[in-house]
Amino acid sequence: MMNNTKLEINKVNAWYRLNHALKDVSLNIPANDIYAFIGPSGCGKTTLLRSINRLNDLVNGFRIKGEISIDGENIYGDGKSGNDSHYVRELRASIGMVFQQPNPLPTTVMKNMLLPVKERYKARKHEMIERSVKNLKAASLYEEIEDRLNKSALSLSGGQQQRLCIARALMLDPKIILLDEPCSALDPISTMKIEDLLMELKEDYTIIIVTHNMEQARRIASNISFFFEGEIIESGSKEDIFLNPKAERLQKYIKGKAM
């Protein structure tokens, strides 16, 4: 495995009961990179994303074969099975997840930041508040809402809620941040703020994003994998994918043509 590889996926197959959702998927994701998964709906992008933090373990009938290794450790290796195991809980804590729709808790902004870490860290409350402010600033949000930290997070705009969810994910010092179409429900201005934020965060984190927005992939991704019917059809730098796509299906997808 290359020294700068953060995540190695090797011959992964996954099923939802009889539905073969991932078929011999293999790729390497570098550290401190924004890596985009593109492709039509239902082609396996989110299945792979949710397999990286083992959220699919919660889906009845889901099973997976192959290896997904983070920093050289296979997260599906021997002794790591069981949705309730200590290993799986620690794994999920080390991987931030941001969903398509912003999902702040129905409480104050500050409690949104503190609740995820309340039991994990034994630090004093004022230290956790300082940590919260630091991560709200990292998410380019603090200056906008510093006078609303004790008001409901649901009163924030959609774009602010999504940045709050990113800031909340940072509270657990994740190794990797996973984002599943994080801007699909946002206006263009909010989308650009999220993209600018991700470009800054990649200096400290490895970021994987599922997106249907080809312009977004062009703007922020360094590397891209194109999925189709559970397979990775082509992977490469964004320059290779957009300027010199080899697969006919990828060429059609980029141009918005039927495949």
C-alpha atoms as a PDB file:
ATOM      1  CA  MET A   1       0.000   0.000   0.000  1.00  0.00           C
ATOM      2  CA  MET A   2       1.332   3.445  -0.922  1.00  0.00           C
ATOM      3  CA  ASN A   3       2.528   5.602   1.958  1.00  0.00           C
ATOM      4  CA  ASN A   4      -0.014   8.348   1.273  1.00  0.00           C
ATOM      5  CA  THR A   5      -2.946   5.937   0.985  1.00  0.00           C
ATOM      6  CA  LYS A   6      -5.479   6.525   3.749  1.00  0.00           C
ATOM      7  CA  LEU A   7      -8.130   4.075   2.622  1.00  0.00           C
ATOM      8  CA  GLU A   8      -7.689   0.896   0.584  1.00  0.00           C
ATOM      9  CA  ILE A   9     -10.724  -0.920  -0.795  1.00  0.00           C
ATOM     10  CA  ASN A  10      -9.994  -4.361  -2.192  1.00  0.00           C
ATOM     11  CA  LYS A  11     -12.483  -6.564  -4.093  1.00  0.00           C
ATOM     12  CA  VAL A  12     -15.511  -5.485  -2.080  1.00  0.00           C
ATOM     13  CA  ASN A  13     -18.832  -7.127  -2.840  1.00  0.00           C
ATOM     14  CA  ALA A  14     -22.003  -6.188  -0.988  1.00  0.00           C
ATOM     15  CA  TRP A  15     -25.588  -7.388  -1.016  1.00  0.00           C
ATOM     16  CA  TYR A  16     -28.941  -6.217   0.331  1.00  0.00           C
ATOM     17  CA  ARG A  17     -30.485  -9.662   0.576  1.00  0.00           C
ATOM     18  CA  LEU A  18     -30.440 -10.774  -3.101  1.00  0.00           C
ATOM     19  CA  ASN A  19     -29.531  -7.382  -4.560  1.00  0.00           C
ATOM     20  CA  HIS A  20     -25.845  -7.387  -5.513  1.00  0.00           C
ATOM     21  CA  ALA A  21     -25.114  -3.712  -4.751  1.00  0.00           C
ATOM     22  CA  LEU A  22     -21.288  -3.674  -5.065  1.00  0.00           C
ATOM     23  CA  LYS A  23     -19.338  -5.896  -7.452  1.00  0.00           C
ATOM     24  CA  ASP A  24     -15.597  -6.392  -6.986  1.00  0.00           C
ATOM     25  CA  VAL A  25     -14.983  -2.754  -6.096  1.00  0.00           C
ATOM     26  CA  SER A  26     -11.330  -1.802  -5.573  1.00  0.00           C
ATOM     27  CA  LEU A  27      -9.669   1.597  -5.190  1.00  0.00           C
ATOM     28  CA  ASN A  28      -7.133   3.525  -3.110  1.00  0.00           C
ATOM     29  CA  ILE A  29      -7.984   6.893  -1.566  1.00  0.00           C
ATOM     30  CA  PRO A  30      -5.058   9.183  -0.654  1.00  0.00           C
ATOM     31  CA  ALA A  31      -4.769  11.032   2.627  1.00  0.00           C
ATOM     32  CA  ASN A  32      -5.679  14.734   2.659  1.00  0.00           C
ATOM     33  CA  ASP A  33      -7.675  14.404  -0.522  1.00  0.00           C
ATOM     34  CA  ILE A  34     -11.213  15.166  -1.661  1.00  0.00           C
ATOM     35  CA  TYR A  35     -12.307  12.022  -3.465  1.00  0.00           C
ATOM     36  CA  ALA A  36     -15.645  12.081  -5.317  1.00  0.00           C
ATOM     37  CA  PHE A  37     -17.959   9.182  -6.139  1.00  0.00           C
ATOM     38  CA  ILE A  38     -20.109   9.950  -9.187  1.00  0.00           C
ATOM     39  CA  GLY A  39     -22.629   7.955 -11.184  1.00  0.00           C
ATOM     40  CA  PRO A  40     -26.387   7.440 -11.601  1.00  0.00           C
ATOM     41  CA  SER A  41     -28.685   6.945  -8.623  1.00  0.00           C
ATOM     42  CA  GLY A  42     -28.714   3.423  -7.236  1.00  0.00           C
ATOM     43  CA  CYS A  43     -25.310   2.465  -8.635  1.00  0.00           C
ATOM     44  CA  GLY A  44     -23.546   1.714  -5.331  1.00  0.00           C
ATOM     45  CA  LYS A  45     -21.953   5.046  -4.361  1.00  0.00           C
ATOM     46  CA  THR A  46     -23.779   5.461  -1.047  1.00  0.00           C
ATOM     47  CA  THR A  47     -23.513   1.741  -0.281  1.00  0.00           C
ATOM     48  CA  LEU A  48     -19.730   1.995  -0.427  1.00  0.00           C
ATOM     49  CA  LEU A  49     -19.719   5.252   1.519  1.00  0.00           C
ATOM     50  CA  ARG A  50     -21.814   3.745   4.332  1.00  0.00           C
ATOM     51  CA  SER A  51     -19.652   0.616   4.340  1.00  0.00           C
ATOM     52  CA  ILE A  52     -16.604   2.693   5.236  1.00  0.00           C
ATOM     53  CA  ASN A  53     -18.034   3.469   8.680  1.00  0.00           C
ATOM     54  CA  ARG A  54     -20.086   0.265   8.833  1.00  0.00           C
ATOM     55  CA  LEU A  55     -23.439   2.023   8.944  1.00  0.00           C
ATOM     56  CA  ASN A  56     -24.752  -0.655   6.602  1.00  0.00           C
ATOM     57  CA  ASP A  57     -24.336  -3.130   9.458  1.00  0.00           C
ATOM     58  CA  LEU A  58     -27.579  -1.608  10.748  1.00  0.00           C
ATOM     59  CA  VAL A  59     -29.487  -2.646   7.597  1.00  0.00           C
ATOM     60  CA  ASN A  60     -31.300  -5.954   7.911  1.00  0.00           C
ATOM     61  CA  GLY A  61     -30.100  -8.420   5.275  1.00  0.00           C
ATOM     62  CA  PHE A  62     -26.920  -6.524   4.385  1.00  0.00           C
ATOM     63  CA  ARG A  63     -23.711  -8.499   3.953  1.00  0.00           C
ATOM     64  CA  ILE A  64     -20.289  -7.634   2.640  1.00  0.00           C
ATOM     65  CA  LYS A  65     -17.132  -9.442   1.493  1.00  0.00           C
ATOM     66  CA  GLY A  66     -13.698  -8.084   0.735  1.00  0.00           C
ATOM     67  CA  GLU A  67     -11.408  -5.670   2.548  1.00  0.00           C
ATOM     68  CA  ILE A  68     -11.754  -2.029   3.522  1.00  0.00           C
ATOM     69  CA  SER A  69      -8.560  -0.895   5.251  1.00  0.00           C
ATOM     70  CA  ILE A  70      -7.952   2.412   7.013  1.00  0.00           C
ATOM     71  CA  ASP A  71      -4.285   3.140   7.714  1.00  0.00           C
ATOM     72  CA  GLY A  72      -3.574  -0.494   6.823  1.00  0.00           C
ATOM     73  CA  GLU A  73      -6.156  -2.038   9.182  1.00  0.00           C
ATOM     74  CA  ASN A  74      -9.018  -4.049   7.675  1.00  0.00           C
ATOM     75  CA  ILE A  75     -12.169  -2.763   9.394  1.00  0.00           C
ATOM     76  CA  TYR A  76     -13.988  -6.000   8.514  1.00  0.00           C
ATOM     77  CA  GLY A  77     -11.168  -8.239   9.722  1.00  0.00           C
ATOM     78  CA  ASP A  78     -11.291 -11.053  12.265  1.00  0.00           C
ATOM     79  CA  GLY A  79     -12.591 -10.053  15.679  1.00  0.00           C
ATOM     80  CA  LYS A  80     -14.268  -6.901  14.370  1.00  0.00           C
ATOM     81  CA  SER A  81     -17.745  -8.258  13.679  1.00  0.00           C
ATOM     82  CA  GLY A  82     -20.896  -7.295  15.530  1.00  0.00           C
ATOM     83  CA  ASN A  83     -22.770  -4.034  15.247  1.00  0.00           C
ATOM     84  CA  ASP A  84     -22.595  -3.428  19.008  1.00  0.00           C
ATOM     85  CA  SER A  85     -18.922  -4.250  19.450  1.00  0.00           C
ATOM     86  CA  HIS A  86     -16.549  -1.762  21.022  1.00  0.00           C
ATOM     87  CA  TYR A  87     -14.472  -1.764  17.835  1.00  0.00           C
ATOM     88  CA  VAL A  88     -17.417  -0.735  15.629  1.00  0.00           C
ATOM     89  CA  ARG A  89     -18.448   2.044  18.018  1.00  0.00           C
ATOM     90  CA  GLU A  90     -14.895   3.383  18.061  1.00  0.00           C
ATOM     91  CA  LEU A  91     -14.678   3.120  14.269  1.00  0.00           C
ATOM     92  CA  ARG A  92     -17.842   5.156  13.774  1.00  0.00           C
ATOM     93  CA  ALA A  93     -16.597   7.747  16.244  1.00  0.00           C
ATOM     94  CA  SER A  94     -13.411   8.119  14.179  1.00  0.00           C
ATOM     95  CA  ILE A  95     -15.252   8.747  10.896  1.00  0.00           C
ATOM     96  CA  GLY A  96     -17.425  11.835  10.493  1.00  0.00           C
ATOM     97  CA  MET A  97     -20.631  11.453   8.479  1.00  0.00           C
ATOM     98  CA  VAL A  98     -22.657  14.244   6.886  1.00  0.00           C
ATOM     99  CA  PHE A  99     -25.927  13.317   5.211  1.00  0.00           C
ATOM    100  CA  GLN A 100     -27.900  14.683   2.277  1.00  0.00           C
ATOM    101  CA  GLN A 101     -30.373  16.557   4.469  1.00  0.00           C
ATOM    102  CA  PRO A 102     -28.988  18.607   7.385  1.00  0.00           C
ATOM    103  CA  ASN A 103     -29.852  16.768  10.603  1.00  0.00           C
ATOM    104  CA  PRO A 104     -29.190  19.034  13.587  1.00  0.00           C
ATOM    105  CA  LEU A 105     -30.629  17.881  16.883  1.00  0.00           C
ATOM    106  CA  PRO A 106     -33.772  19.772  17.997  1.00  0.00           C
ATOM    107  CA  THR A 107     -31.907  21.677  20.680  1.00  0.00           C
ATOM    108  CA  THR A 108     -29.498  24.601  20.903  1.00  0.00           C
ATOM    109  CA  VAL A 109     -26.495  25.067  18.669  1.00  0.00           C
ATOM    110  CA  MET A 110     -24.108  24.556  21.586  1.00  0.00           C
ATOM    111  CA  LYS A 111     -25.836  21.391  22.774  1.00  0.00           C
ATOM    112  CA  ASN A 112     -25.578  20.055  19.214  1.00  0.00           C
ATOM    113  CA  MET A 113     -21.834  20.441  19.559  1.00  0.00           C
ATOM    114  CA  LEU A 114     -21.527  19.103  23.105  1.00  0.00           C
ATOM    115  CA  LEU A 115     -23.868  16.098  23.140  1.00  0.00           C
ATOM    116  CA  PRO A 116     -21.866  13.888  20.727  1.00  0.00           C
ATOM    117  CA  VAL A 117     -18.752  14.184  22.899  1.00  0.00           C
ATOM    118  CA  LYS A 118     -20.315  14.359  26.355  1.00  0.00           C
ATOM    119  CA  GLU A 119     -19.674  10.704  27.187  1.00  0.00           C
ATOM    120  CA  ARG A 120     -16.560  10.202  25.065  1.00  0.00           C
ATOM    121  CA  TYR A 121     -14.431  12.901  26.648  1.00  0.00           C
ATOM    122  CA  LYS A 122     -14.044  13.604  30.349  1.00  0.00           C
ATOM    123  CA  ALA A 123     -12.893  17.198  29.865  1.00  0.00           C
ATOM    124  CA  ARG A 124     -14.477  20.014  31.796  1.00  0.00           C
ATOM    125  CA  LYS A 125     -17.441  21.824  30.313  1.00  0.00           C
ATOM    126  CA  HIS A 126     -15.545  25.047  29.622  1.00  0.00           C
ATOM    127  CA  GLU A 127     -12.913  23.039  27.722  1.00  0.00           C
ATOM    128  CA  MET A 128     -15.630  21.412  25.613  1.00  0.00           C
ATOM    129  CA  ILE A 129     -17.169  24.813  24.920  1.00  0.00           C
ATOM    130  CA  GLU A 130     -13.766  26.078  23.760  1.00  0.00           C
ATOM    131  CA  ARG A 131     -13.493  23.000  21.551  1.00  0.00           C
ATOM    132  CA  SER A 132     -16.962  23.687  20.150  1.00  0.00           C
ATOM    133  CA  VAL A 133     -16.108  27.280  19.308  1.00  0.00           C
ATOM    134  CA  LYS A 134     -12.885  26.142  17.636  1.00  0.00           C
ATOM    135  CA  ASN A 135     -14.763  23.700  15.392  1.00  0.00           C
ATOM    136  CA  LEU A 136     -17.549  26.171  14.617  1.00  0.00           C
ATOM    137  CA  LYS A 137     -14.803  28.521  13.454  1.00  0.00           C
ATOM    138  CA  ALA A 138     -13.215  25.692  11.442  1.00  0.00           C
ATOM    139  CA  ALA A 139     -16.593  25.255   9.742  1.00  0.00           C
ATOM    140  CA  SER A 140     -16.684  29.001   8.928  1.00  0.00           C
ATOM    141  CA  LEU A 141     -19.872  29.320  10.958  1.00  0.00           C
ATOM    142  CA  TYR A 142     -19.022  30.876  14.312  1.00  0.00           C
ATOM    143  CA  GLU A 143     -18.888  34.485  13.105  1.00  0.00           C
ATOM    144  CA  GLU A 144     -22.369  34.154  11.575  1.00  0.00           C
ATOM    145  CA  ILE A 145     -24.094  32.713  14.649  1.00  0.00           C
ATOM    146  CA  GLU A 146     -22.003  33.637  17.699  1.00  0.00           C
ATOM    147  CA  ASP A 147     -25.004  35.472  19.187  1.00  0.00           C
ATOM    148  CA  ARG A 148     -27.267  32.428  18.636  1.00  0.00           C
ATOM    149  CA  LEU A 149     -25.279  29.637  20.258  1.00  0.00           C
ATOM    150  CA  ASN A 150     -27.966  29.115  22.898  1.00  0.00           C
ATOM    151  CA  LYS A 151     -30.852  29.258  20.429  1.00  0.00           C
ATOM    152  CA  SER A 152     -32.375  26.387  18.503  1.00  0.00           C
ATOM    153  CA  ALA A 153     -30.211  24.932  15.749  1.00  0.00           C
ATOM    154  CA  LEU A 154     -33.416  24.520  13.738  1.00  0.00           C
ATOM    155  CA  SER A 155     -33.628  28.314  13.446  1.00  0.00           C
ATOM    156  CA  LEU A 156     -30.490  28.365  11.270  1.00  0.00           C
ATOM    157  CA  SER A 157     -30.676  28.386   7.482  1.00  0.00           C
ATOM    158  CA  GLY A 158     -30.229  25.124   5.602  1.00  0.00           C
ATOM    159  CA  GLY A 159     -26.658  25.961   4.664  1.00  0.00           C
ATOM    160  CA  GLN A 160     -25.827  26.956   8.227  1.00  0.00           C
ATOM    161  CA  GLN A 161     -27.381  23.737   9.532  1.00  0.00           C
ATOM    162  CA  GLN A 162     -25.224  21.701   7.169  1.00  0.00           C
ATOM    163  CA  ARG A 163     -22.072  23.520   8.284  1.00  0.00           C
ATOM    164  CA  LEU A 164     -23.159  22.913  11.886  1.00  0.00           C
ATOM    165  CA  CYS A 165     -23.365  19.190  11.083  1.00  0.00           C
ATOM    166  CA  ILE A 166     -19.819  19.332   9.681  1.00  0.00           C
ATOM    167  CA  ALA A 167     -18.587  21.208  12.770  1.00  0.00           C
ATOM    168  CA  ARG A 168     -20.297  18.612  14.972  1.00  0.00           C
ATOM    169  CA  ALA A 169     -18.556  15.810  13.064  1.00  0.00           C
ATOM    170  CA  LEU A 170     -15.198  17.480  13.742  1.00  0.00           C
ATOM    171  CA  MET A 171     -15.775  17.288  17.508  1.00  0.00           C
ATOM    172  CA  LEU A 172     -14.661  13.637  17.579  1.00  0.00           C
ATOM    173  CA  ASP A 173     -11.381  14.246  15.720  1.00  0.00           C
ATOM    174  CA  PRO A 174     -12.292  12.038  12.765  1.00  0.00           C
ATOM    175  CA  LYS A 175      -9.713  10.422  10.504  1.00  0.00           C
ATOM    176  CA  ILE A 176     -12.079  10.606   7.536  1.00  0.00           C
ATOM    177  CA  ILE A 177     -15.144  12.719   6.694  1.00  0.00           C
ATOM    178  CA  LEU A 178     -17.865  11.113   4.562  1.00  0.00           C
ATOM    179  CA  LEU A 179     -20.434  13.312   2.809  1.00  0.00           C
ATOM    180  CA  ASP A 180     -23.490  11.956   0.998  1.00  0.00           C
ATOM    181  CA  GLU A 181     -24.695  14.646  -1.420  1.00  0.00           C
ATOM    182  CA  PRO A 182     -24.289  17.343   1.255  1.00  0.00           C
ATOM    183  CA  CYS A 183     -25.315  20.221  -1.019  1.00  0.00           C
ATOM    184  CA  SER A 184     -28.252  18.709  -2.900  1.00  0.00           C
ATOM    185  CA  ALA A 185     -30.807  20.592  -0.768  1.00  0.00           C
ATOM    186  CA  LEU A 186     -28.871  23.878  -0.640  1.00  0.00           C
ATOM    187  CA  ASP A 187     -28.928  27.067  -2.701  1.00  0.00           C
ATOM    188  CA  PRO A 188     -25.872  28.013  -4.814  1.00  0.00           C
ATOM    189  CA  ILE A 189     -24.456  30.465  -2.246  1.00  0.00           C
ATOM    190  CA  SER A 190     -24.669  27.893   0.574  1.00  0.00           C
ATOM    191  CA  THR A 191     -23.203  25.280  -1.755  1.00  0.00           C
ATOM    192  CA  MET A 192     -20.169  27.454  -2.472  1.00  0.00           C
ATOM    193  CA  LYS A 193     -19.637  28.025   1.258  1.00  0.00           C
ATOM    194  CA  ILE A 194     -19.665  24.262   1.864  1.00  0.00           C
ATOM    195  CA  GLU A 195     -17.250  23.687  -1.025  1.00  0.00           C
ATOM    196  CA  ASP A 196     -14.867  26.404   0.228  1.00  0.00           C
ATOM    197  CA  LEU A 197     -15.023  24.797   3.671  1.00  0.00           C
ATOM    198  CA  LEU A 198     -14.185  21.339   2.309  1.00  0.00           C
ATOM    199  CA  MET A 199     -11.209  22.726   0.403  1.00  0.00           C
ATOM    200  CA  GLU A 200      -9.860  24.096   3.686  1.00  0.00           C
ATOM    201  CA  LEU A 201     -10.615  20.942   5.684  1.00  0.00           C
ATOM    202  CA  LYS A 202      -8.729  18.646   3.311  1.00  0.00           C
ATOM    203  CA  GLU A 203      -5.499  20.057   4.743  1.00  0.00           C
ATOM    204  CA  ASP A 204      -6.277  18.094   7.924  1.00  0.00           C
ATOM    205  CA  TYR A 205      -8.748  15.395   6.861  1.00  0.00           C
ATOM    206  CA  THR A 206      -9.402  12.840   4.152  1.00  0.00           C
ATOM    207  CA  ILE A 207     -12.765  13.652   2.561  1.00  0.00           C
ATOM    208  CA  ILE A 208     -15.004  11.394   0.468  1.00  0.00           C
ATOM    209  CA  ILE A 209     -18.061  12.910  -1.171  1.00  0.00           C
ATOM    210  CA  VAL A 210     -20.938  11.398  -3.138  1.00  0.00           C
ATOM    211  CA  THR A 211     -22.236  13.957  -5.621  1.00  0.00           C
ATOM    212  CA  HIS A 212     -24.480  14.126  -8.680  1.00  0.00           C
ATOM    213  CA  ASN A 213     -23.222  17.637  -9.390  1.00  0.00           C
ATOM    214  CA  MET A 214     -20.548  17.343 -12.075  1.00  0.00           C
ATOM    215  CA  GLU A 215     -19.504  20.980 -11.676  1.00  0.00           C
ATOM    216  CA  GLN A 216     -19.028  20.394  -7.954  1.00  0.00           C
ATOM    217  CA  ALA A 217     -16.818  17.388  -8.672  1.00  0.00           C
ATOM    218  CA  ARG A 218     -14.795  19.519 -11.107  1.00  0.00           C
ATOM    219  CA  ARG A 219     -14.377  22.288  -8.566  1.00  0.00           C
ATOM    220  CA  ILE A 220     -13.317  20.428  -5.448  1.00  0.00           C
ATOM    221  CA  ALA A 221     -12.344  16.797  -6.128  1.00  0.00           C
ATOM    222  CA  SER A 222      -8.768  15.744  -6.777  1.00  0.00           C
ATOM    223  CA  ASN A 223      -9.728  12.188  -7.743  1.00  0.00           C
ATOM    224  CA  ILE A 224     -12.976  10.615  -8.914  1.00  0.00           C
ATOM    225  CA  SER A 225     -14.509   7.154  -9.325  1.00  0.00           C
ATOM    226  CA  PHE A 226     -17.428   6.604 -11.701  1.00  0.00           C
ATOM    227  CA  PHE A 227     -19.912   3.951 -10.555  1.00  0.00           C
ATOM    228  CA  PHE A 228     -22.417   2.119 -12.732  1.00  0.00           C
ATOM    229  CA  GLU A 229     -24.636  -0.783 -11.681  1.00  0.00           C
ATOM    230  CA  GLY A 230     -22.505  -1.618  -8.650  1.00  0.00           C
ATOM    231  CA  GLU A 231     -19.140  -1.491 -10.418  1.00  0.00           C
ATOM    232  CA  ILE A 232     -16.433   1.117 -10.659  1.00  0.00           C
ATOM    233  CA  ILE A 233     -16.174   1.699 -14.392  1.00  0.00           C
ATOM    234  CA  GLU A 234     -13.329   4.195 -14.278  1.00  0.00           C
ATOM    235  CA  SER A 235     -11.191   6.003 -11.690  1.00  0.00           C
ATOM    236  CA  GLY A 236      -8.624   8.741 -12.052  1.00  0.00           C
ATOM    237  CA  SER A 237      -7.710  12.346 -11.459  1.00  0.00           C
ATOM    238  CA  LYS A 238     -10.443  14.853 -12.206  1.00  0.00           C
ATOM    239  CA  GLU A 239      -8.438  15.943 -15.250  1.00  0.00           C
ATOM    240  CA  ASP A 240      -8.445  12.379 -16.611  1.00  0.00           C
ATOM    241  CA  ILE A 241     -12.117  11.844 -15.817  1.00  0.00           C
ATOM    242  CA  PHE A 242     -13.403  15.070 -17.353  1.00  0.00           C
ATOM    243  CA  LEU A 243     -10.880  15.777 -20.101  1.00  0.00           C
ATOM    244  CA  ASN A 244      -9.956  12.276 -21.221  1.00  0.00           C
ATOM    245  CA  PRO A 245     -12.627   9.765 -20.127  1.00  0.00           C
ATOM    246  CA  LYS A 246     -11.977   6.321 -21.565  1.00  0.00           C
ATOM    247  CA  ALA A 247     -15.214   4.443 -20.862  1.00  0.00           C
ATOM    248  CA  GLU A 248     -18.093   5.176 -23.235  1.00  0.00           C
ATOM    249  CA  ARG A 249     -20.580   5.134 -20.359  1.00  0.00           C
ATOM    250  CA  LEU A 250     -18.568   7.760 -18.517  1.00  0.00           C
ATOM    251  CA  GLN A 251     -18.373   9.923 -21.629  1.00  0.00           C
ATOM    252  CA  LYS A 252     -22.163   9.779 -21.953  1.00  0.00           C
ATOM    253  CA  TYR A 253     -22.748  10.395 -18.254  1.00  0.00           C
ATOM    254  CA  ILE A 254     -20.599  13.522 -18.224  1.00  0.00           C
ATOM    255  CA  LYS A 255     -22.510  14.856 -21.237  1.00  0.00           C
ATOM    256  CA  GLY A 256     -25.856  14.003 -19.653  1.00  0.00           C
ATOM    257  CA  LYS A 257     -26.723  11.446 -22.339  1.00  0.00           C
ATOM    258  CA  ALA A 258     -28.680   8.221 -21.773  1.00  0.00           C
ATOM    259  CA  MET A 259     -26.525   5.162 -21.141  1.00  0.00           C
END
